């Protein structure tokens, strides 16, 4: 089952700055998340994280409305600082 996706400006900006080969890997992981959102590690309050190489995808999932909101993307050392749900 595919879910609806919303992307924050911060997420889009970070992904667009990547090398094309890494973007392809991120796109595949986004498709995986859209088909099974609970595969990521839960961070609490409906927020999950998924590892992609040295990066992390932080996303929120609300099972009631079936929307996955991709919140932020970046390297581990900085991505957890300002998670805004």
N, C-alpha and C. Protein backbone atom coordinates (compact mmCIF):
# COMPACT_ATOMS: atom_id res chain seq x y z
N UNK A 1 0.84 -1.19 0.00
CA UNK A 1 0.00 0.00 0.00
C UNK A 1 0.88 1.24 0.00
N UNK A 2 0.66 2.11 -0.94
CA UNK A 2 1.40 3.36 -1.02
C UNK A 2 0.67 4.44 -0.23
N UNK A 3 1.42 5.21 0.50
CA UNK A 3 0.88 6.30 1.30
C UNK A 3 1.18 7.63 0.61
N UNK A 4 0.47 8.66 1.02
CA UNK A 4 0.71 10.00 0.49
C UNK A 4 1.94 10.59 1.16
N UNK A 5 2.67 11.41 0.42
CA UNK A 5 3.90 11.99 0.95
C UNK A 5 3.83 13.51 0.91
N UNK A 6 4.41 14.11 1.95
CA UNK A 6 4.61 15.55 2.00
C UNK A 6 6.08 15.77 2.34
N UNK A 7 6.69 16.76 1.72
CA UNK A 7 8.12 17.02 1.92
C UNK A 7 8.31 18.44 2.43
N UNK A 8 9.06 18.59 3.50
CA UNK A 8 9.37 19.92 4.01
C UNK A 8 10.37 20.59 3.06
N UNK A 9 10.40 21.91 3.10
CA UNK A 9 11.37 22.65 2.27
C UNK A 9 12.79 22.26 2.62
N UNK A 10 13.04 22.08 3.90
CA UNK A 10 14.38 21.70 4.38
C UNK A 10 14.80 20.35 3.79
N UNK A 11 13.86 19.41 3.77
CA UNK A 11 14.15 18.07 3.23
C UNK A 11 14.50 18.16 1.74
N UNK A 12 13.67 18.85 0.99
CA UNK A 12 13.88 18.98 -0.46
C UNK A 12 15.21 19.67 -0.76
N UNK A 13 15.50 20.73 -0.04
CA UNK A 13 16.74 21.47 -0.25
C UNK A 13 17.96 20.58 0.01
N UNK A 14 17.93 19.80 1.09
CA UNK A 14 19.05 18.93 1.44
C UNK A 14 19.25 17.83 0.41
N UNK A 15 18.16 17.24 -0.05
CA UNK A 15 18.27 16.15 -1.03
C UNK A 15 18.73 16.69 -2.39
N UNK A 16 18.25 17.85 -2.77
CA UNK A 16 18.66 18.43 -4.06
C UNK A 16 20.14 18.78 -4.11
N UNK A 17 20.77 18.97 -2.97
CA UNK A 17 22.19 19.31 -2.92
C UNK A 17 23.09 18.07 -3.05
N UNK A 18 22.50 16.90 -3.12
CA UNK A 18 23.29 15.66 -3.16
C UNK A 18 23.81 15.33 -4.55
N UNK A 19 24.80 14.48 -4.59
CA UNK A 19 25.32 13.91 -5.82
C UNK A 19 24.21 13.04 -6.44
N UNK A 20 24.10 13.00 -7.78
CA UNK A 20 23.02 12.23 -8.43
C UNK A 20 22.95 10.75 -8.02
N UNK A 21 24.07 10.10 -7.82
CA UNK A 21 24.02 8.69 -7.43
C UNK A 21 23.44 8.51 -6.03
N UNK A 22 23.73 9.45 -5.14
CA UNK A 22 23.17 9.39 -3.79
C UNK A 22 21.68 9.72 -3.83
N UNK A 23 21.29 10.67 -4.68
CA UNK A 23 19.88 11.02 -4.84
C UNK A 23 19.06 9.80 -5.25
N UNK A 24 19.63 8.99 -6.14
CA UNK A 24 18.94 7.79 -6.60
C UNK A 24 18.72 6.81 -5.43
N UNK A 25 19.73 6.66 -4.60
CA UNK A 25 19.62 5.78 -3.43
C UNK A 25 18.56 6.32 -2.47
N UNK A 26 18.54 7.62 -2.26
CA UNK A 26 17.55 8.24 -1.37
C UNK A 26 16.14 8.05 -1.95
N UNK A 27 15.99 8.21 -3.25
CA UNK A 27 14.68 8.04 -3.89
C UNK A 27 14.16 6.61 -3.70
N UNK A 28 15.04 5.64 -3.82
CA UNK A 28 14.63 4.25 -3.60
C UNK A 28 14.19 4.03 -2.16
N UNK A 29 14.91 4.63 -1.22
CA UNK A 29 14.56 4.47 0.19
C UNK A 29 13.24 5.16 0.49
N UNK A 30 12.97 6.30 -0.15
CA UNK A 30 11.69 7.00 0.03
C UNK A 30 10.56 6.10 -0.45
N UNK A 31 10.74 5.43 -1.59
CA UNK A 31 9.72 4.51 -2.09
C UNK A 31 9.47 3.37 -1.11
N UNK A 32 10.54 2.87 -0.49
CA UNK A 32 10.40 1.81 0.51
C UNK A 32 9.59 2.31 1.70
N UNK A 33 9.90 3.52 2.15
CA UNK A 33 9.18 4.10 3.29
C UNK A 33 7.70 4.30 2.94
N UNK A 34 7.43 4.74 1.72
CA UNK A 34 6.04 4.97 1.31
C UNK A 34 5.23 3.68 1.28
N UNK A 35 5.87 2.57 0.99
CA UNK A 35 5.14 1.31 0.94
C UNK A 35 4.99 0.68 2.34
N UNK A 36 6.00 0.84 3.20
CA UNK A 36 5.93 0.31 4.56
C UNK A 36 6.58 1.31 5.53
N UNK A 37 5.82 2.29 6.00
CA UNK A 37 6.39 3.38 6.81
C UNK A 37 6.95 2.95 8.16
N UNK A 38 6.51 1.85 8.71
CA UNK A 38 6.98 1.46 10.04
C UNK A 38 8.32 0.73 10.00
N UNK A 39 9.00 0.70 8.86
CA UNK A 39 10.29 0.00 8.77
C UNK A 39 11.40 0.79 9.44
N UNK A 40 11.23 2.09 9.58
CA UNK A 40 12.26 2.92 10.21
C UNK A 40 12.29 2.73 11.72
N UNK A 41 13.35 3.22 12.33
CA UNK A 41 13.49 3.15 13.78
C UNK A 41 12.62 4.24 14.41
N UNK A 42 11.73 3.89 15.34
CA UNK A 42 10.87 4.89 15.96
C UNK A 42 11.66 5.81 16.90
N UNK A 43 11.39 7.10 16.78
CA UNK A 43 12.02 8.10 17.65
C UNK A 43 11.02 8.64 18.67
N UNK A 44 9.76 8.27 18.54
CA UNK A 44 8.71 8.73 19.46
C UNK A 44 7.79 9.72 18.79
N UNK A 45 6.56 9.81 19.30
CA UNK A 45 5.55 10.75 18.78
C UNK A 45 5.29 10.60 17.30
N UNK A 46 5.33 9.39 16.78
CA UNK A 46 5.06 9.15 15.36
C UNK A 46 6.17 9.57 14.43
N UNK A 47 7.37 9.80 14.96
CA UNK A 47 8.53 10.20 14.15
C UNK A 47 9.47 8.99 14.05
N UNK A 48 9.97 8.77 12.84
CA UNK A 48 10.86 7.65 12.57
C UNK A 48 12.12 8.15 11.88
N UNK A 49 13.14 7.30 11.89
CA UNK A 49 14.34 7.60 11.12
C UNK A 49 14.72 6.38 10.30
N UNK A 50 15.29 6.65 9.15
CA UNK A 50 15.77 5.61 8.25
C UNK A 50 17.18 5.97 7.82
N UNK A 51 18.09 5.01 7.91
CA UNK A 51 19.47 5.25 7.49
C UNK A 51 19.61 5.06 6.00
N UNK A 52 20.36 5.98 5.38
CA UNK A 52 20.73 5.88 3.97
C UNK A 52 22.20 6.27 3.88
N UNK A 53 23.06 5.29 3.71
CA UNK A 53 24.50 5.52 3.69
C UNK A 53 24.91 6.22 4.99
N UNK A 54 25.53 7.40 4.91
CA UNK A 54 25.91 8.14 6.12
C UNK A 54 24.85 9.17 6.51
N UNK A 55 23.71 9.15 5.83
CA UNK A 55 22.65 10.12 6.05
C UNK A 55 21.49 9.50 6.82
N UNK A 56 20.60 10.36 7.30
CA UNK A 56 19.38 9.93 7.97
C UNK A 56 18.20 10.66 7.36
N UNK A 57 17.13 9.91 7.13
CA UNK A 57 15.84 10.49 6.73
C UNK A 57 14.98 10.49 7.99
N UNK A 58 14.49 11.65 8.36
CA UNK A 58 13.60 11.78 9.51
C UNK A 58 12.20 12.07 8.96
N UNK A 59 11.25 11.23 9.33
CA UNK A 59 9.90 11.40 8.81
C UNK A 59 8.86 11.10 9.87
N UNK A 60 7.71 11.69 9.68
CA UNK A 60 6.58 11.45 10.58
C UNK A 60 5.50 10.70 9.84
N UNK A 61 4.82 9.83 10.57
CA UNK A 61 3.75 9.05 9.95
C UNK A 61 2.52 9.07 10.84
N UNK A 62 1.41 9.47 10.27
CA UNK A 62 0.14 9.47 10.97
C UNK A 62 -0.74 8.39 10.33
N UNK A 63 -0.95 7.26 11.01
CA UNK A 63 -1.72 6.17 10.40
C UNK A 63 -3.18 6.52 10.14
N UNK A 64 -3.70 7.52 10.86
CA UNK A 64 -5.10 7.89 10.65
C UNK A 64 -5.35 8.46 9.26
N UNK A 65 -4.49 9.37 8.83
CA UNK A 65 -4.71 9.99 7.52
C UNK A 65 -3.76 9.47 6.44
N UNK A 66 -2.93 8.48 6.79
CA UNK A 66 -2.05 7.81 5.83
C UNK A 66 -1.09 8.75 5.12
N UNK A 67 -0.65 9.81 5.80
CA UNK A 67 0.29 10.76 5.22
C UNK A 67 1.64 10.60 5.90
N UNK A 68 2.68 10.52 5.08
CA UNK A 68 4.04 10.48 5.58
C UNK A 68 4.65 11.84 5.28
N UNK A 69 5.13 12.51 6.32
CA UNK A 69 5.74 13.83 6.15
C UNK A 69 7.24 13.68 6.36
N UNK A 70 7.99 13.94 5.30
CA UNK A 70 9.45 13.87 5.36
C UNK A 70 9.94 15.20 5.93
N UNK A 71 10.48 15.13 7.13
CA UNK A 71 10.80 16.33 7.90
C UNK A 71 12.17 16.89 7.61
N UNK A 72 13.19 16.06 7.71
CA UNK A 72 14.55 16.55 7.51
C UNK A 72 15.43 15.43 6.99
N UNK A 73 16.57 15.82 6.45
CA UNK A 73 17.52 14.89 5.87
C UNK A 73 18.91 15.44 6.11
N UNK A 74 19.83 14.59 6.51
CA UNK A 74 21.20 15.06 6.69
C UNK A 74 22.06 14.00 7.34
N UNK A 75 23.28 14.40 7.63
CA UNK A 75 24.21 13.50 8.31
C UNK A 75 23.83 13.37 9.77
N UNK A 76 24.22 12.25 10.34
CA UNK A 76 23.84 11.90 11.70
C UNK A 76 24.22 12.96 12.73
N UNK A 77 25.38 13.57 12.57
CA UNK A 77 25.85 14.51 13.57
C UNK A 77 25.02 15.79 13.67
N UNK A 78 24.20 16.08 12.67
CA UNK A 78 23.43 17.32 12.72
C UNK A 78 21.92 17.14 12.52
N UNK A 79 21.49 16.02 12.03
CA UNK A 79 20.09 15.88 11.63
C UNK A 79 19.12 15.83 12.81
N UNK A 80 19.56 15.38 13.97
CA UNK A 80 18.66 15.25 15.10
C UNK A 80 18.47 16.54 15.90
N UNK A 81 19.22 17.56 15.61
CA UNK A 81 19.18 18.79 16.41
C UNK A 81 17.86 19.54 16.38
N UNK A 82 17.32 19.72 15.20
CA UNK A 82 16.13 20.56 15.06
C UNK A 82 14.97 19.85 14.38
N UNK A 83 14.55 18.74 14.95
CA UNK A 83 13.41 18.03 14.37
C UNK A 83 12.15 18.75 14.77
N UNK A 84 11.39 19.18 13.76
CA UNK A 84 10.13 19.86 14.01
C UNK A 84 9.02 19.05 13.38
N UNK A 85 8.13 18.55 14.22
CA UNK A 85 7.04 17.68 13.74
C UNK A 85 5.92 18.51 13.19
